[in-house]
Amino acid sequence: MALTWDDPEDIAEQLAARHPDVDPLGVRFTDLHRWICELPD
């Protein structure tokens, strides 16, 4: 299943699994954008 910007819950779950030690409230937008773009399609 390809992710789109219409799938915020799926994106959040994948990011949480890939970066479990990161506080989501402290992530810079530039890092968040890069991490989302690096997620597998």
Protein backbone atom coordinates (compact mmCIF):
# COMPACT_ATOMS: atom_id res chain seq x y z
CA MET A 1 0.00 0.00 0.00
CA ALA A 2 1.42 3.35 -1.00
CA LEU A 3 1.25 6.08 1.60
CA THR A 4 -0.20 9.47 0.74
CA TRP A 5 -0.57 12.67 2.73
CA ASP A 6 -4.17 11.53 3.32
CA ASP A 7 -2.89 8.72 5.60
CA PRO A 8 -1.60 10.62 8.67
CA GLU A 9 -2.30 7.79 11.12
CA ASP A 10 -0.38 5.27 9.01
CA ILE A 11 2.50 7.72 8.60
CA ALA A 12 2.56 8.37 12.36
CA GLU A 13 2.60 4.64 13.15
CA GLN A 14 5.49 3.99 10.79
CA LEU A 15 7.47 6.95 12.12
CA ALA A 16 6.90 5.84 15.71
CA ALA A 17 8.14 2.36 14.83
CA ARG A 18 11.24 3.70 13.05
CA HIS A 19 12.10 6.36 15.65
CA PRO A 20 10.87 5.02 19.02
CA ASP A 21 13.32 7.07 21.08
CA VAL A 22 12.31 10.45 19.62
CA ASP A 23 9.88 12.80 21.39
CA PRO A 24 7.40 13.79 18.65
CA LEU A 25 6.93 17.23 20.19
CA GLY A 26 10.62 18.03 19.76
CA VAL A 27 11.04 17.08 16.10
CA ARG A 28 11.97 19.86 13.69
CA PHE A 29 9.78 20.15 10.60
CA THR A 30 12.76 19.62 8.31
CA ASP A 31 13.62 16.34 10.04
CA LEU A 32 9.99 15.22 10.05
CA HIS A 33 9.65 15.92 6.33
CA ARG A 34 12.85 14.00 5.56
CA TRP A 35 11.78 11.03 7.67
CA ILE A 36 8.38 10.91 5.95
CA CYS A 37 9.98 11.07 2.52
CA GLU A 38 12.31 8.20 3.51
CA LEU A 39 9.41 5.89 4.43
CA PRO A 40 8.95 2.99 2.02
CA ASP A 41 6.07 3.46 -0.40
